[in-house]
Amino acid sequence: MAEQAECWEVLSRELFPEGSGFAVVYGEAGSGKTAFSLTVATMEKEALFINTEGYPTYERALQMEIPATVEFTDISDEWGLIYDILKIWIKRRFIIVDSINSVFRVSASYDIETAFKAFSLTCSLLKTMSKNAKVLATAQVSLSGDVPSGDEVLKYYSTSRMRLIRVGWGKEGKAEINGEFFGMYRIEKGGFKWISCRRS
């Protein structure tokens, strides 16, 4: 098993090379996006965690013993997400959104133009905030499984991208940052653990 602290330190430098930025983590269902974001929250301690995935995220947070200093907020539509972002403007140094495109995928089935505009506005706001903060957003993938839904918008606004890829049908996978292999990981009850990682 890799030295966890070293892997997370190297990862942080690669996702946020300027000490801030807008990082997107994407992958198919079950690849470990929520476990990853919750594990990051346990290390950051004073992060704001914006949850769009519903109750299961809270169950997992309790299992992982997330510190009480991590603030959770729950939203179910795109305007709630935008409101939450505006409400904490410049007040947080680490913001996690899990996941950034889930509510927009639902809205797009009713009104794709409005959903696209709201999604673009959300990403634009997060990009502006990321000039002085670390923003980490998970993203659900399109049907092809290779790119996130809303990829053009995410690619335009994000400063780095990490892909989680399941290996087989178990709880292990590999991570790529900006298209390059970073490491192997395992999902455990206690969260996201590195098996191996690239050293800088």
Protein backbone atom coordinates (compact mmCIF):
# COMPACT_ATOMS: atom_id res chain seq x y z
CA MET A 1 0.00 0.00 0.00
CA ALA A 2 1.34 3.43 -0.92
CA GLU A 3 2.22 6.10 1.62
CA GLN A 4 -1.11 7.90 1.78
CA ALA A 5 0.12 11.32 2.92
CA GLU A 6 2.68 11.50 0.12
CA CYS A 7 0.18 10.48 -2.57
CA TRP A 8 -2.37 13.08 -1.41
CA GLU A 9 0.32 15.76 -1.27
CA VAL A 10 1.50 15.04 -4.81
CA LEU A 11 -2.12 14.89 -6.01
CA SER A 12 -2.92 18.27 -4.46
CA ARG A 13 0.04 19.85 -6.24
CA GLU A 14 -1.06 18.39 -9.56
CA LEU A 15 -4.74 19.31 -9.23
CA PHE A 16 -4.00 22.75 -7.77
CA PRO A 17 -0.52 23.75 -9.01
CA GLU A 18 -1.11 27.41 -8.14
CA GLY A 19 -2.49 26.58 -4.70
CA SER A 20 -5.99 27.24 -6.03
CA GLY A 21 -8.05 26.29 -9.09
CA PHE A 22 -11.10 24.45 -10.36
CA ALA A 23 -10.53 20.67 -10.55
CA VAL A 24 -13.07 18.26 -12.04
CA VAL A 25 -13.08 14.58 -11.05
CA TYR A 26 -15.18 12.32 -13.28
CA GLY A 27 -15.89 8.66 -13.83
CA GLU A 28 -18.66 6.13 -14.29
CA ALA A 29 -21.03 5.15 -11.47
CA GLY A 30 -19.21 3.20 -8.77
CA SER A 31 -15.75 4.48 -9.75
CA GLY A 32 -15.28 6.23 -6.39
CA LYS A 33 -16.07 9.91 -7.05
CA THR A 34 -18.05 10.44 -3.85
CA ALA A 35 -15.59 8.42 -1.73
CA PHE A 36 -12.79 10.54 -3.20
CA SER A 37 -14.51 13.86 -2.47
CA LEU A 38 -15.49 12.82 1.08
CA THR A 39 -11.93 11.68 1.78
CA VAL A 40 -10.63 15.05 0.59
CA ALA A 41 -13.16 16.73 2.91
CA THR A 42 -11.81 14.79 5.91
CA MET A 43 -8.31 16.10 5.17
CA GLU A 44 -9.31 19.70 4.47
CA LYS A 45 -11.44 19.79 7.65
CA GLU A 46 -13.07 23.19 6.99
CA ALA A 47 -14.41 22.53 3.52
CA LEU A 48 -17.91 23.31 2.32
CA PHE A 49 -19.44 20.15 0.82
CA ILE A 50 -22.34 20.85 -1.58
CA ASN A 51 -24.24 17.60 -2.06
CA THR A 52 -26.54 17.02 -5.04
CA GLU A 53 -26.51 13.23 -4.76
CA GLY A 54 -29.02 12.81 -1.92
CA TYR A 55 -29.10 10.81 1.30
CA PRO A 56 -26.53 8.05 0.55
CA THR A 57 -23.73 10.65 0.69
CA TYR A 58 -24.62 11.48 4.29
CA GLU A 59 -24.62 7.80 5.24
CA ARG A 60 -21.13 7.44 3.85
CA ALA A 61 -19.97 10.64 5.57
CA LEU A 62 -21.09 9.22 8.92
CA GLN A 63 -19.25 5.95 8.21
CA MET A 64 -16.09 7.87 7.40
CA GLU A 65 -16.40 10.10 10.49
CA ILE A 66 -16.15 13.38 8.58
CA PRO A 67 -15.06 16.18 10.97
CA ALA A 68 -17.85 18.41 12.32
CA THR A 69 -15.98 21.39 10.87
CA VAL A 70 -16.95 20.29 7.34
CA GLU A 71 -20.16 22.08 6.44
CA PHE A 72 -22.70 20.11 4.40
CA THR A 73 -25.43 21.66 2.30
CA ASP A 74 -27.96 19.74 0.24
CA ILE A 75 -29.51 20.99 -3.01
CA SER A 76 -31.81 19.41 -5.57
CA ASP A 77 -31.97 21.90 -8.46
CA GLU A 78 -29.64 24.12 -10.45
CA TRP A 79 -30.89 27.39 -8.96
CA GLY A 80 -30.30 26.07 -5.44
CA LEU A 81 -26.73 25.26 -6.45
CA ILE A 82 -26.18 28.75 -7.85
CA TYR A 83 -27.71 30.31 -4.72
CA ASP A 84 -25.43 28.29 -2.43
CA ILE A 85 -22.37 29.36 -4.41
CA LEU A 86 -23.33 33.03 -4.22
CA LYS A 87 -24.13 32.73 -0.51
CA ILE A 88 -20.61 31.65 0.40
CA TRP A 89 -18.82 33.91 -2.09
CA ILE A 90 -15.22 34.53 -0.95
CA LYS A 91 -15.92 32.97 2.46
CA ARG A 92 -14.41 29.54 1.86
CA ARG A 93 -10.97 28.35 0.87
CA PHE A 94 -12.11 24.87 -0.19
CA ILE A 95 -15.40 24.05 -1.91
CA ILE A 96 -16.49 20.56 -2.96
CA VAL A 97 -19.48 19.92 -5.25
CA ASP A 98 -20.68 16.31 -5.60
CA SER A 99 -21.77 16.22 -8.35
CA ILE A 100 -21.78 19.37 -10.42
CA ASN A 101 -23.80 18.09 -13.38
CA SER A 102 -26.40 15.75 -11.85
CA VAL A 103 -29.16 18.36 -11.40
CA PHE A 104 -28.51 19.76 -14.85
CA ARG A 105 -28.88 16.34 -16.47
CA VAL A 106 -32.35 16.07 -14.92
CA SER A 107 -33.32 19.63 -15.91
CA ALA A 108 -32.09 19.14 -19.47
CA SER A 109 -34.79 16.54 -20.05
CA TYR A 110 -37.35 19.34 -19.56
CA ASP A 111 -35.62 22.42 -20.98
CA ILE A 112 -32.15 21.86 -22.38
CA GLU A 113 -31.45 25.52 -23.23
CA THR A 114 -32.21 26.82 -19.74
CA ALA A 115 -30.31 23.92 -18.15
CA PHE A 116 -27.26 24.65 -20.32
CA LYS A 117 -27.29 28.35 -19.39
CA ALA A 118 -27.60 27.56 -15.68
CA PHE A 119 -24.80 24.99 -15.91
CA SER A 120 -22.54 27.47 -17.71
CA LEU A 121 -23.30 30.13 -15.08
CA THR A 122 -22.51 27.71 -12.26
CA CYS A 123 -19.15 26.74 -13.78
CA SER A 124 -18.32 30.38 -14.46
CA LEU A 125 -19.01 31.30 -10.82
CA LEU A 126 -16.90 28.41 -9.54
CA LYS A 127 -14.06 29.37 -11.89
CA THR A 128 -14.13 32.94 -10.54
CA MET A 129 -14.11 31.66 -6.95
CA SER A 130 -11.24 29.33 -7.75
CA LYS A 131 -8.89 32.27 -8.24
CA ASN A 132 -8.69 32.51 -4.45
CA ALA A 133 -9.86 29.04 -3.39
CA LYS A 134 -9.64 25.36 -4.22
CA VAL A 135 -12.78 24.12 -5.97
CA LEU A 136 -13.25 20.37 -6.47
CA ALA A 137 -16.27 19.15 -8.42
CA THR A 138 -17.20 15.59 -9.29
CA ALA A 139 -19.03 14.98 -12.55
CA GLN A 140 -21.21 12.19 -13.87
CA VAL A 141 -20.22 10.86 -17.27
CA SER A 142 -22.12 10.72 -20.53
CA LEU A 143 -23.53 7.46 -21.88
CA SER A 144 -20.21 6.70 -23.59
CA GLY A 145 -18.52 6.76 -20.18
CA ASP A 146 -15.43 8.50 -21.56
CA VAL A 147 -16.23 12.15 -20.87
CA PRO A 148 -18.34 14.06 -18.33
CA SER A 149 -21.81 15.24 -19.28
CA GLY A 150 -21.44 18.90 -20.25
CA ASP A 151 -17.82 18.25 -21.16
CA GLU A 152 -17.35 21.33 -23.36
CA VAL A 153 -18.39 23.65 -20.53
CA LEU A 154 -16.34 21.79 -17.91
CA LYS A 155 -13.30 21.71 -20.17
CA TYR A 156 -13.56 25.46 -20.78
CA TYR A 157 -13.80 26.46 -17.10
CA SER A 158 -11.80 23.81 -15.24
CA THR A 159 -8.07 24.16 -14.61
CA SER A 160 -7.39 20.43 -14.16
CA ARG A 161 -9.23 17.13 -14.71
CA MET A 162 -8.96 13.77 -13.04
CA ARG A 163 -10.58 10.59 -14.34
CA LEU A 164 -11.37 7.60 -12.13
CA ILE A 165 -11.57 4.29 -14.00
CA ARG A 166 -12.86 1.09 -12.44
CA VAL A 167 -10.68 -1.97 -12.90
CA GLY A 168 -12.85 -5.07 -13.19
CA TRP A 169 -15.94 -5.34 -10.99
CA GLY A 170 -14.26 -4.88 -7.62
CA LYS A 171 -13.46 -1.80 -5.57
CA GLU A 172 -10.19 -0.95 -7.26
CA GLY A 173 -9.41 1.46 -10.05
CA LYS A 174 -6.86 3.72 -11.66
CA ALA A 175 -6.66 7.50 -11.71
CA GLU A 176 -5.53 9.73 -14.57
CA ILE A 177 -4.78 13.44 -14.29
CA ASN A 178 -5.08 15.46 -17.49
CA GLY A 179 -4.83 12.22 -19.47
CA GLU A 180 -1.73 10.84 -17.71
CA PHE A 181 -1.63 7.90 -15.31
CA PHE A 182 -1.39 9.00 -11.66
CA GLY A 183 -2.04 5.92 -9.55
CA MET A 184 -4.08 2.92 -8.47
CA TYR A 185 -6.68 3.14 -5.72
CA ARG A 186 -9.12 1.10 -3.64
CA ILE A 187 -12.49 2.07 -2.18
CA GLU A 188 -12.78 0.99 1.45
CA LYS A 189 -15.28 1.57 4.24
CA GLY A 190 -12.99 4.30 5.54
CA GLY A 191 -12.84 6.06 2.19
CA PHE A 192 -10.54 6.38 -0.81
CA LYS A 193 -7.10 4.76 -0.39
CA TRP A 194 -4.10 4.85 -2.70
CA ILE A 195 -2.50 1.52 -3.63
CA SER A 196 0.25 3.26 -5.60
CA CYS A 197 0.84 6.71 -7.05
CA ARG A 198 3.21 8.71 -9.17
CA ARG A 199 5.87 10.56 -7.23
CA SER A 200 6.85 14.06 -8.30
